[in-house]
Amino acid sequence: MLLWWGVGLLALATALGAVVVFVYPETPGFDHWWNEMVAGIRGDWLLQFALVMDWIGGGWVAILGVPLLAILALLLARRWRSAVFAAVCFAASAGAVQLLKQLFGRARPEDMLVVSDYGSFPSGHTANAATIALVIWVLFPRVWTAILGALWVLAMALSRTFLSVHWATDTLGGALVGAGVVLVLAAWLLPWVQRKKS
């Protein structure tokens, strides 16, 4: 079941990217509307929130800091298999994001407020947030981990559009990629992770 959900989410992300890049190359109306709407309500506190999320979700903090802290916490809890699973998920998600960025090469909004790398679709920050959220939920399947994870992904997605560094559909694509990668890997690795010592 996890495998099919994961494959479905990855297929949906790829299809969404194809639609917004090849079917509507001028950028869909919803993306323009959302970009203009958030620009109109963007106050100082929202901008500061978005800049903090930008720092947490990108650069060395997201690529090394957060994954290494998560892996270290799992190792300290003597859950080395879970640590391996988390490491594989982080690496695979980052690779999938870069692959799709190169495949689609979508232009970012022209009014973006921070410097960013090539390719707007999918949002790497949002994919990373979804990867973290799903890894935690898969390893600790509780209602509260699901709620906190969903709020974390939503906050990251909104922050990317508050900075006009991504279109709304980029953040949706990022969430689908991050979640899809974790579910596919969970279908493969979770039985090994949960194996009891003999």
N, C-alpha and C. Protein backbone atom coordinates (compact mmCIF):
# COMPACT_ATOMS: atom_id res chain seq x y z
N MET A 1 0.82 -1.20 0.00
CA MET A 1 0.00 0.00 0.00
C MET A 1 0.86 1.27 0.00
N LEU A 2 1.91 1.28 0.87
CA LEU A 2 2.81 2.44 0.91
C LEU A 2 3.46 2.68 -0.45
N LEU A 3 3.84 1.58 -1.12
CA LEU A 3 4.49 1.71 -2.42
C LEU A 3 3.59 2.40 -3.42
N TRP A 4 2.32 1.98 -3.48
CA TRP A 4 1.41 2.56 -4.46
C TRP A 4 1.11 4.02 -4.15
N TRP A 5 0.95 4.35 -2.86
CA TRP A 5 0.76 5.75 -2.49
C TRP A 5 1.98 6.58 -2.90
N GLY A 6 3.17 6.05 -2.62
CA GLY A 6 4.39 6.79 -2.96
C GLY A 6 4.56 6.98 -4.45
N VAL A 7 4.36 5.91 -5.22
CA VAL A 7 4.47 6.01 -6.68
C VAL A 7 3.41 6.97 -7.22
N GLY A 8 2.20 6.90 -6.66
CA GLY A 8 1.13 7.79 -7.10
C GLY A 8 1.46 9.25 -6.86
N LEU A 9 2.02 9.55 -5.68
CA LEU A 9 2.38 10.94 -5.38
C LEU A 9 3.50 11.44 -6.29
N LEU A 10 4.48 10.58 -6.56
CA LEU A 10 5.57 10.98 -7.47
C LEU A 10 5.06 11.17 -8.89
N ALA A 11 4.15 10.30 -9.33
CA ALA A 11 3.56 10.44 -10.66
C ALA A 11 2.74 11.73 -10.75
N LEU A 12 2.00 12.03 -9.69
CA LEU A 12 1.20 13.25 -9.65
C LEU A 12 2.09 14.49 -9.70
N ALA A 13 3.20 14.46 -8.97
CA ALA A 13 4.14 15.59 -9.00
C ALA A 13 4.71 15.79 -10.39
N THR A 14 5.09 14.70 -11.04
CA THR A 14 5.65 14.79 -12.40
C THR A 14 4.61 15.30 -13.38
N ALA A 15 3.38 14.81 -13.25
CA ALA A 15 2.30 15.27 -14.13
C ALA A 15 2.02 16.75 -13.91
N LEU A 16 2.02 17.19 -12.65
CA LEU A 16 1.79 18.60 -12.35
C LEU A 16 2.88 19.46 -12.97
N GLY A 17 4.12 19.01 -12.85
CA GLY A 17 5.22 19.75 -13.47
C GLY A 17 5.06 19.85 -14.98
N ALA A 18 4.65 18.76 -15.62
CA ALA A 18 4.45 18.77 -17.07
C ALA A 18 3.34 19.73 -17.47
N VAL A 19 2.28 19.76 -16.67
CA VAL A 19 1.15 20.65 -16.98
C VAL A 19 1.56 22.11 -16.88
N VAL A 20 2.21 22.49 -15.75
CA VAL A 20 2.52 23.91 -15.55
C VAL A 20 3.66 24.40 -16.43
N VAL A 21 4.49 23.48 -16.94
CA VAL A 21 5.61 23.90 -17.78
C VAL A 21 5.29 23.78 -19.27
N PHE A 22 4.66 22.67 -19.66
CA PHE A 22 4.45 22.43 -21.08
C PHE A 22 3.05 22.77 -21.57
N VAL A 23 2.03 22.54 -20.74
CA VAL A 23 0.65 22.84 -21.15
C VAL A 23 0.34 24.31 -20.96
N TYR A 24 0.79 24.88 -19.82
CA TYR A 24 0.57 26.30 -19.52
C TYR A 24 1.91 27.00 -19.33
N PRO A 25 2.71 27.13 -20.40
CA PRO A 25 4.05 27.72 -20.25
C PRO A 25 4.04 29.18 -19.81
N GLU A 26 2.91 29.85 -19.93
CA GLU A 26 2.84 31.26 -19.52
C GLU A 26 2.50 31.41 -18.04
N THR A 27 2.47 30.32 -17.30
CA THR A 27 2.14 30.26 -15.87
C THR A 27 0.64 30.34 -15.67
N PRO A 28 0.07 29.32 -15.03
CA PRO A 28 -1.39 29.26 -14.83
C PRO A 28 -1.91 30.46 -14.05
N GLY A 29 -3.17 30.79 -14.30
CA GLY A 29 -3.80 31.92 -13.65
C GLY A 29 -3.82 31.82 -12.14
N PHE A 30 -4.01 30.60 -11.61
CA PHE A 30 -4.02 30.43 -10.16
C PHE A 30 -2.71 30.86 -9.55
N ASP A 31 -1.59 30.49 -10.18
CA ASP A 31 -0.28 30.88 -9.67
C ASP A 31 -0.10 32.39 -9.65
N HIS A 32 -0.54 33.05 -10.72
CA HIS A 32 -0.44 34.52 -10.77
C HIS A 32 -1.33 35.15 -9.70
N TRP A 33 -2.55 34.63 -9.57
CA TRP A 33 -3.46 35.18 -8.57
C TRP A 33 -2.89 35.04 -7.17
N TRP A 34 -2.38 33.84 -6.85
CA TRP A 34 -1.84 33.61 -5.51
C TRP A 34 -0.63 34.50 -5.25
N ASN A 35 0.25 34.63 -6.25
CA ASN A 35 1.44 35.46 -6.10
C ASN A 35 1.07 36.92 -5.80
N GLU A 36 0.08 37.43 -6.53
CA GLU A 36 -0.35 38.82 -6.31
C GLU A 36 -1.06 38.97 -4.97
N MET A 37 -1.84 37.95 -4.56
CA MET A 37 -2.57 38.02 -3.31
C MET A 37 -1.62 38.06 -2.12
N VAL A 38 -0.62 37.17 -2.09
CA VAL A 38 0.30 37.14 -0.95
C VAL A 38 1.19 38.38 -0.94
N ALA A 39 1.51 38.91 -2.11
CA ALA A 39 2.30 40.15 -2.15
C ALA A 39 1.52 41.30 -1.53
N GLY A 40 0.20 41.27 -1.69
CA GLY A 40 -0.64 42.33 -1.14
C GLY A 40 -0.80 42.26 0.37
N ILE A 41 -0.69 41.08 0.96
CA ILE A 41 -0.88 40.94 2.41
C ILE A 41 0.44 40.79 3.16
N ARG A 42 1.55 40.80 2.44
CA ARG A 42 2.86 40.53 3.04
C ARG A 42 3.29 41.71 3.91
N GLY A 43 3.21 41.53 5.21
CA GLY A 43 3.66 42.55 6.15
C GLY A 43 5.03 42.20 6.69
N ASP A 44 5.53 43.05 7.60
CA ASP A 44 6.87 42.84 8.14
C ASP A 44 7.00 41.50 8.86
N TRP A 45 5.99 41.14 9.67
CA TRP A 45 6.12 39.91 10.45
C TRP A 45 6.05 38.67 9.55
N LEU A 46 5.24 38.74 8.49
CA LEU A 46 5.19 37.61 7.55
C LEU A 46 6.51 37.48 6.79
N LEU A 47 7.08 38.62 6.45
CA LEU A 47 8.36 38.61 5.74
C LEU A 47 9.46 38.04 6.63
N GLN A 48 9.48 38.44 7.90
CA GLN A 48 10.49 37.91 8.83
C GLN A 48 10.31 36.40 9.03
N PHE A 49 9.05 35.97 9.17
CA PHE A 49 8.76 34.55 9.29
C PHE A 49 9.28 33.79 8.06
N ALA A 50 9.01 34.33 6.87
CA ALA A 50 9.42 33.67 5.64
C ALA A 50 10.94 33.61 5.52
N LEU A 51 11.62 34.67 5.96
CA LEU A 51 13.08 34.68 5.89
C LEU A 51 13.69 33.65 6.85
N VAL A 52 13.09 33.49 8.03
CA VAL A 52 13.57 32.46 8.96
C VAL A 52 13.36 31.08 8.36
N MET A 53 12.19 30.85 7.76
CA MET A 53 11.91 29.56 7.14
C MET A 53 12.85 29.31 5.95
N ASP A 54 13.19 30.37 5.23
CA ASP A 54 14.13 30.26 4.12
C ASP A 54 15.49 29.76 4.62
N TRP A 55 15.93 30.31 5.76
CA TRP A 55 17.21 29.92 6.33
C TRP A 55 17.17 28.48 6.85
N ILE A 56 16.08 28.12 7.54
CA ILE A 56 15.96 26.78 8.10
C ILE A 56 15.85 25.74 6.98
N GLY A 57 15.08 26.07 5.94
CA GLY A 57 14.76 25.08 4.91
C GLY A 57 15.71 25.00 3.75
N GLY A 58 16.77 25.84 3.75
CA GLY A 58 17.68 25.84 2.61
C GLY A 58 19.13 25.90 3.03
N GLY A 59 20.02 25.83 2.05
CA GLY A 59 21.45 25.93 2.31
C GLY A 59 21.98 24.80 3.17
N TRP A 60 23.07 25.07 3.89
CA TRP A 60 23.72 24.03 4.69
C TRP A 60 22.83 23.55 5.82
N VAL A 61 21.94 24.41 6.31
CA VAL A 61 21.07 24.00 7.42
C VAL A 61 20.19 22.83 6.99
N ALA A 62 19.56 22.96 5.81
CA ALA A 62 18.66 21.90 5.33
C ALA A 62 19.42 20.72 4.75
N ILE A 63 20.52 21.00 4.07
CA ILE A 63 21.25 19.93 3.39
C ILE A 63 22.04 19.07 4.37
N LEU A 64 22.64 19.72 5.38
CA LEU A 64 23.47 18.98 6.34
C LEU A 64 22.94 19.04 7.77
N GLY A 65 22.62 20.24 8.23
CA GLY A 65 22.27 20.44 9.63
C GLY A 65 21.10 19.61 10.11
N VAL A 66 19.93 19.82 9.51
CA VAL A 66 18.72 19.12 9.94
C VAL A 66 18.83 17.61 9.74
N PRO A 67 19.26 17.13 8.57
CA PRO A 67 19.39 15.68 8.41
C PRO A 67 20.38 15.05 9.41
N LEU A 68 21.52 15.71 9.62
CA LEU A 68 22.50 15.15 10.54
C LEU A 68 21.99 15.14 11.98
N LEU A 69 21.24 16.19 12.37
CA LEU A 69 20.66 16.21 13.71
C LEU A 69 19.64 15.09 13.88
N ALA A 70 18.81 14.89 12.85
CA ALA A 70 17.82 13.81 12.91
C ALA A 70 18.49 12.45 12.99
N ILE A 71 19.51 12.25 12.19
CA ILE A 71 20.23 10.97 12.19
C ILE A 71 20.93 10.76 13.53
N LEU A 72 21.56 11.82 14.06
CA LEU A 72 22.24 11.72 15.35
C LEU A 72 21.26 11.39 16.47
N ALA A 73 20.08 12.04 16.44
CA ALA A 73 19.07 11.76 17.47
C ALA A 73 18.63 10.30 17.43
N LEU A 74 18.47 9.77 16.23
CA LEU A 74 18.07 8.36 16.10
C LEU A 74 19.18 7.42 16.56
N LEU A 75 20.42 7.79 16.26
CA LEU A 75 21.54 6.96 16.71
C LEU A 75 21.67 6.98 18.23
N LEU A 76 21.47 8.16 18.83
CA LEU A 76 21.52 8.26 20.29
C LEU A 76 20.40 7.48 20.95
N ALA A 77 19.27 7.36 20.23
CA ALA A 77 18.15 6.56 20.74
C ALA A 77 18.34 5.07 20.43
N ARG A 78 19.52 4.73 19.90
CA ARG A 78 19.86 3.35 19.55
C ARG A 78 18.91 2.77 18.50
N ARG A 79 18.57 3.63 17.54
CA ARG A 79 17.72 3.19 16.42
C ARG A 79 18.52 3.38 15.12
N TRP A 80 19.60 2.61 14.98
CA TRP A 80 20.49 2.82 13.85
C TRP A 80 19.83 2.49 12.52
N ARG A 81 18.94 1.54 12.51
CA ARG A 81 18.24 1.23 11.25
C ARG A 81 17.35 2.40 10.83
N SER A 82 16.69 3.00 11.81
CA SER A 82 15.88 4.19 11.52
C SER A 82 16.76 5.33 11.00
N ALA A 83 17.97 5.45 11.55
CA ALA A 83 18.91 6.48 11.11
C ALA A 83 19.31 6.26 9.65
N VAL A 84 19.55 5.00 9.30
CA VAL A 84 19.88 4.67 7.91
C VAL A 84 18.70 5.01 6.99
N PHE A 85 17.51 4.63 7.41
CA PHE A 85 16.30 4.93 6.64
C PHE A 85 16.16 6.44 6.42
N ALA A 86 16.34 7.22 7.48
CA ALA A 86 16.23 8.68 7.37
C ALA A 86 17.27 9.23 6.40
N ALA A 87 18.51 8.76 6.51
CA ALA A 87 19.58 9.24 5.63
C ALA A 87 19.28 8.95 4.17
N VAL A 88 18.80 7.74 3.89
CA VAL A 88 18.46 7.37 2.52
C VAL A 88 17.33 8.24 2.00
N CYS A 89 16.33 8.51 2.84
CA CYS A 89 15.19 9.36 2.43
C CYS A 89 15.64 10.77 2.10
N PHE A 90 16.48 11.36 2.96
CA PHE A 90 16.96 12.72 2.73
C PHE A 90 17.73 12.81 1.41
N ALA A 91 18.62 11.85 1.18
CA ALA A 91 19.43 11.87 -0.04
C ALA A 91 18.57 11.65 -1.28
N ALA A 92 17.64 10.69 -1.22
CA ALA A 92 16.80 10.38 -2.38
C ALA A 92 15.86 11.54 -2.71
N SER A 93 15.31 12.18 -1.69
CA SER A 93 14.42 13.31 -1.92
C SER A 93 15.16 14.46 -2.59
N ALA A 94 16.35 14.77 -2.08
CA ALA A 94 17.14 15.85 -2.68
C ALA A 94 17.48 15.54 -4.13
N GLY A 95 17.82 14.28 -4.41
CA GLY A 95 18.13 13.87 -5.77
C GLY A 95 16.92 13.98 -6.69
N ALA A 96 15.74 13.56 -6.20
CA ALA A 96 14.53 13.64 -7.01
C ALA A 96 14.17 15.08 -7.33
N VAL A 97 14.35 15.97 -6.35
CA VAL A 97 14.06 17.40 -6.58
C VAL A 97 14.97 17.95 -7.67
N GLN A 98 16.25 17.67 -7.59
CA GLN A 98 17.19 18.20 -8.59
C GLN A 98 16.92 17.61 -9.97
N LEU A 99 16.54 16.34 -10.02
CA LEU A 99 16.20 15.72 -11.30
C LEU A 99 15.02 16.44 -11.96
N LEU A 100 13.97 16.70 -11.18
CA LEU A 100 12.79 17.37 -11.74
C LEU A 100 13.07 18.83 -12.07
N LYS A 101 13.91 19.49 -11.29
CA LYS A 101 14.28 20.87 -11.61
C LYS A 101 14.97 20.92 -12.98
N GLN A 102 15.88 19.97 -13.22
CA GLN A 102 16.59 19.94 -14.50
C GLN A 102 15.65 19.55 -15.63
N LEU A 103 14.71 18.66 -15.34
CA LEU A 103 13.77 18.20 -16.37
C LEU A 103 12.84 19.32 -16.82
N PHE A 104 12.32 20.10 -15.86
CA PHE A 104 11.31 21.10 -16.20
C PHE A 104 11.90 22.50 -16.39
N GLY A 105 12.88 22.88 -15.64
CA GLY A 105 13.51 24.19 -15.81
C GLY A 105 12.53 25.35 -15.76
N ARG A 106 11.58 25.30 -14.86
CA ARG A 106 10.56 26.34 -14.79
C ARG A 106 11.13 27.66 -14.25
N ALA A 107 10.72 28.75 -14.87
CA ALA A 107 11.18 30.07 -14.42
C ALA A 107 10.49 30.45 -13.11
N ARG A 108 11.25 31.11 -12.24
CA ARG A 108 10.70 31.57 -10.97
C ARG A 108 9.94 32.89 -11.17
N PRO A 109 9.14 33.28 -10.18
CA PRO A 109 8.47 34.60 -10.27
C PRO A 109 9.52 35.71 -10.39
N GLU A 110 9.19 36.74 -11.14
CA GLU A 110 10.14 37.82 -11.37
C GLU A 110 10.34 38.71 -10.15
N ASP A 111 9.40 38.70 -9.21
CA ASP A 111 9.48 39.60 -8.06
C ASP A 111 10.00 38.91 -6.80
N MET A 112 10.82 37.85 -6.97
CA MET A 112 11.28 37.12 -5.79
C MET A 112 12.20 37.98 -4.94
N LEU A 113 12.13 37.75 -3.62
CA LEU A 113 12.81 38.61 -2.66
C LEU A 113 14.12 38.03 -2.14
N VAL A 114 14.43 36.79 -2.49
CA VAL A 114 15.71 36.19 -2.11
C VAL A 114 16.32 35.51 -3.33
N VAL A 115 17.63 35.35 -3.30
CA VAL A 115 18.32 34.68 -4.39
C VAL A 115 18.11 33.17 -4.25
N SER A 116 17.88 32.49 -5.36
CA SER A 116 17.67 31.05 -5.31
C SER A 116 18.32 30.39 -6.51
N ASP A 117 18.35 29.06 -6.50
CA ASP A 117 19.04 28.32 -7.54
C ASP A 117 18.15 28.12 -8.77
N TYR A 118 18.64 27.34 -9.70
CA TYR A 118 17.95 27.10 -10.97
C TYR A 118 16.71 26.24 -10.76
N GLY A 119 15.66 26.60 -11.47
CA GLY A 119 14.47 25.77 -11.52
C GLY A 119 13.50 26.02 -10.40
N SER A 120 12.29 26.41 -10.76
CA SER A 120 11.28 26.73 -9.76
C SER A 120 10.47 25.52 -9.34
N PHE A 121 10.33 24.54 -10.23
CA PHE A 121 9.50 23.36 -9.92
C PHE A 121 10.38 22.13 -9.82
N PRO A 122 10.25 21.40 -8.72
CA PRO A 122 9.44 21.63 -7.52
C PRO A 122 10.22 22.43 -6.49
N SER A 123 9.55 22.88 -5.45
CA SER A 123 10.20 23.60 -4.37
C SER A 123 11.03 22.64 -3.52
N GLY A 124 12.34 22.87 -3.50
CA GLY A 124 13.21 22.03 -2.69
C GLY A 124 12.98 22.20 -1.20
N HIS A 125 12.72 23.45 -0.77
CA HIS A 125 12.44 23.69 0.64
C HIS A 125 11.21 22.89 1.10
N THR A 126 10.15 22.94 0.29
CA THR A 126 8.92 22.23 0.67
C THR A 126 9.11 20.73 0.60
N ALA A 127 9.85 20.26 -0.40
CA ALA A 127 10.13 18.82 -0.49
C ALA A 127 10.90 18.35 0.73
N ASN A 128 11.88 19.15 1.15
CA ASN A 128 12.66 18.78 2.33
C ASN A 128 11.79 18.75 3.59
N ALA A 129 10.89 19.74 3.71
CA ALA A 129 9.98 19.77 4.85
C ALA A 129 9.07 18.54 4.86
N ALA A 130 8.57 18.16 3.68
CA ALA A 130 7.71 16.98 3.58
C ALA A 130 8.49 15.70 3.88
N THR A 131 9.73 15.66 3.46
CA THR A 131 10.57 14.49 3.74
C THR A 131 10.75 14.33 5.24
N ILE A 132 11.09 15.42 5.92
CA ILE A 132 11.26 15.37 7.38
C ILE A 132 9.96 14.92 8.04
N ALA A 133 8.85 15.54 7.64
CA ALA A 133 7.55 15.24 8.25
C ALA A 133 7.17 13.77 8.06
N LEU A 134 7.36 13.25 6.85
CA LEU A 134 6.97 11.86 6.58
C LEU A 134 7.92 10.85 7.23
N VAL A 135 9.21 11.18 7.28
CA VAL A 135 10.14 10.28 7.97
C VAL A 135 9.74 10.14 9.43
N ILE A 136 9.45 11.26 10.07
CA ILE A 136 9.06 11.22 11.49
C ILE A 136 7.75 10.45 11.65
N TRP A 137 6.79 10.69 10.76
CA TRP A 137 5.50 10.01 10.87
C TRP A 137 5.63 8.50 10.64
N VAL A 138 6.45 8.12 9.64
CA VAL A 138 6.63 6.69 9.35
C VAL A 138 7.29 5.98 10.54
N LEU A 139 8.27 6.65 11.15
CA LEU A 139 8.98 6.04 12.27
C LEU A 139 8.20 6.11 13.58
N PHE A 140 7.39 7.17 13.72
CA PHE A 140 6.60 7.37 14.93
C PHE A 140 5.16 7.71 14.54
N PRO A 141 4.40 6.70 14.07
CA PRO A 141 3.05 6.96 13.53
C PRO A 141 2.04 7.30 14.62
N ARG A 142 1.94 8.58 14.88
CA ARG A 142 0.99 9.08 15.87
C ARG A 142 0.19 10.22 15.23
N VAL A 143 -0.97 10.50 15.81
CA VAL A 143 -1.79 11.61 15.30
C VAL A 143 -1.03 12.92 15.43
N TRP A 144 -0.37 13.11 16.56
CA TRP A 144 0.32 14.39 16.78
C TRP A 144 1.50 14.58 15.84
N THR A 145 2.20 13.49 15.46
CA THR A 145 3.29 13.65 14.50
C THR A 145 2.74 13.99 13.12
N ALA A 146 1.58 13.44 12.78
CA ALA A 146 0.95 13.76 11.49
C ALA A 146 0.51 15.22 11.46
N ILE A 147 -0.10 15.71 12.54
CA ILE A 147 -0.58 17.09 12.58
C ILE A 147 0.58 18.07 12.54
N LEU A 148 1.59 17.83 13.39
CA LEU A 148 2.76 18.73 13.39
C LEU A 148 3.48 18.71 12.05
N GLY A 149 3.59 17.53 11.45
CA GLY A 149 4.24 17.42 10.15
C GLY A 149 3.49 18.18 9.07
N ALA A 150 2.17 18.06 9.07
CA ALA A 150 1.36 18.78 8.07
C ALA A 150 1.49 20.29 8.25
N LEU A 151 1.49 20.75 9.50
CA LEU A 151 1.65 22.18 9.78
C LEU A 151 3.02 22.68 9.34
N TRP A 152 4.05 21.87 9.56
CA TRP A 152 5.41 22.23 9.16
C TRP A 152 5.51 22.38 7.63
N VAL A 153 4.94 21.42 6.91
CA VAL A 153 4.99 21.48 5.44
C VAL A 153 4.20 22.69 4.94
N LEU A 154 3.03 22.93 5.51
CA LEU A 154 2.21 24.07 5.10
C LEU A 154 2.93 25.39 5.37
N ALA A 155 3.55 25.50 6.54
CA ALA A 155 4.28 26.72 6.87
C ALA A 155 5.43 26.96 5.90
N MET A 156 6.16 25.91 5.55
CA MET A 156 7.26 26.05 4.62
C MET A 156 6.76 26.44 3.23
N ALA A 157 5.69 25.80 2.79
CA ALA A 157 5.13 26.11 1.47
C ALA A 157 4.67 27.57 1.40
N LEU A 158 3.96 28.01 2.42
CA LEU A 158 3.50 29.40 2.43
C LEU A 158 4.67 30.37 2.45
N SER A 159 5.70 30.05 3.21
CA SER A 159 6.85 30.96 3.30
C SER A 159 7.52 31.14 1.95
N ARG A 160 7.53 30.10 1.12
CA ARG A 160 8.16 30.21 -0.20
C ARG A 160 7.38 31.15 -1.11
N THR A 161 6.06 31.13 -0.96
CA THR A 161 5.27 32.05 -1.78
C THR A 161 5.27 33.45 -1.19
N PHE A 162 5.40 33.60 0.13
CA PHE A 162 5.50 34.92 0.74
C PHE A 162 6.73 35.66 0.22
N LEU A 163 7.79 34.91 -0.08
CA LEU A 163 9.02 35.51 -0.62
C LEU A 163 8.99 35.60 -2.14
N SER A 164 7.90 35.16 -2.76
CA SER A 164 7.76 35.14 -4.22
C SER A 164 8.93 34.42 -4.90
N VAL A 165 9.46 33.42 -4.22
CA VAL A 165 10.56 32.66 -4.80
C VAL A 165 10.05 31.41 -5.50
N HIS A 166 8.78 31.09 -5.25
CA HIS A 166 8.14 29.94 -5.89
C HIS A 166 6.69 30.27 -6.21
N TRP A 167 6.19 29.63 -7.24
CA TRP A 167 4.76 29.64 -7.52
C TRP A 167 4.09 28.66 -6.57
N ALA A 168 2.82 28.83 -6.33
CA ALA A 168 2.09 27.94 -5.41
C ALA A 168 2.17 26.49 -5.87
N THR A 169 2.07 26.26 -7.19
CA THR A 169 2.12 24.88 -7.69
C THR A 169 3.50 24.26 -7.50
N ASP A 170 4.55 25.08 -7.41
CA ASP A 170 5.88 24.54 -7.11
C ASP A 170 5.91 23.93 -5.72
N THR A 171 5.25 24.61 -4.78
CA THR A 171 5.26 24.11 -3.40
C THR A 171 4.43 22.84 -3.28
N LEU A 172 3.32 22.77 -4.02
CA LEU A 172 2.53 21.54 -4.03
C LEU A 172 3.36 20.40 -4.61
N GLY A 173 4.06 20.69 -5.70
CA GLY A 173 4.92 19.67 -6.31
C GLY A 173 6.00 19.21 -5.35
N GLY A 174 6.60 20.14 -4.62
CA GLY A 174 7.63 19.78 -3.65
C GLY A 174 7.10 18.88 -2.55
N ALA A 175 5.91 19.21 -2.04
CA ALA A 175 5.30 18.38 -0.99
C ALA A 175 5.03 16.97 -1.51
N LEU A 176 4.55 16.87 -2.74
CA LEU A 176 4.27 15.55 -3.33
C LEU A 176 5.54 14.74 -3.51
N VAL A 177 6.61 15.40 -3.96
CA VAL A 177 7.88 14.69 -4.17
C VAL A 177 8.45 14.19 -2.84
N GLY A 178 8.52 15.08 -1.85
CA GLY A 178 9.08 14.68 -0.56
C GLY A 178 8.32 13.54 0.07
N ALA A 179 6.99 13.64 0.07
CA ALA A 179 6.16 12.58 0.65
C ALA A 179 6.26 11.29 -0.17
N GLY A 180 6.23 11.42 -1.49
CA GLY A 180 6.28 10.24 -2.35
C GLY A 180 7.56 9.45 -2.19
N VAL A 181 8.69 10.13 -2.13
CA VAL A 181 9.97 9.45 -1.97
C VAL A 181 10.00 8.66 -0.67
N VAL A 182 9.56 9.29 0.42
CA VAL A 182 9.59 8.61 1.72
C VAL A 182 8.68 7.37 1.71
N LEU A 183 7.50 7.49 1.13
CA LEU A 183 6.58 6.35 1.12
C LEU A 183 7.11 5.20 0.27
N VAL A 184 7.73 5.51 -0.86
CA VAL A 184 8.32 4.45 -1.69
C VAL A 184 9.43 3.74 -0.92
N LEU A 185 10.29 4.52 -0.28
CA LEU A 185 11.40 3.92 0.47
C LEU A 185 10.90 3.18 1.71
N ALA A 186 9.83 3.68 2.32
CA ALA A 186 9.27 3.00 3.49
C ALA A 186 8.72 1.64 3.10
N ALA A 187 8.10 1.55 1.92
CA ALA A 187 7.57 0.27 1.45
C ALA A 187 8.70 -0.76 1.31
N TRP A 188 9.86 -0.29 0.96
CA TRP A 188 11.01 -1.17 0.73
C TRP A 188 11.78 -1.44 2.04
N LEU A 189 12.01 -0.39 2.84
CA LEU A 189 12.91 -0.50 3.97
C LEU A 189 12.25 -0.68 5.34
N LEU A 190 10.97 -0.33 5.45
CA LEU A 190 10.34 -0.36 6.77
C LEU A 190 10.34 -1.75 7.42
N PRO A 191 10.11 -2.83 6.68
CA PRO A 191 10.20 -4.15 7.32
C PRO A 191 11.58 -4.40 7.93
N TRP A 192 12.63 -3.95 7.25
CA TRP A 192 13.99 -4.08 7.78
C TRP A 192 14.20 -3.19 9.00
N VAL A 193 13.68 -1.95 8.93
CA VAL A 193 13.81 -1.02 10.05
C VAL A 193 13.14 -1.56 11.31
N GLN A 194 11.98 -2.19 11.14
CA GLN A 194 11.20 -2.66 12.27
C GLN A 194 11.56 -4.07 12.72
N ARG A 195 12.53 -4.69 12.06
CA ARG A 195 12.90 -6.04 12.40
C ARG A 195 13.44 -6.12 13.82
N LYS A 196 12.96 -7.09 14.57
CA LYS A 196 13.41 -7.27 15.95
C LYS A 196 14.74 -8.01 15.95
N LYS A 197 15.55 -7.71 16.96
CA LYS A 197 16.79 -8.45 17.12
C LYS A 197 16.50 -9.90 17.48
N SER A 198 17.18 -10.82 16.82
CA SER A 198 16.94 -12.24 17.10
C SER A 198 17.84 -12.74 18.21
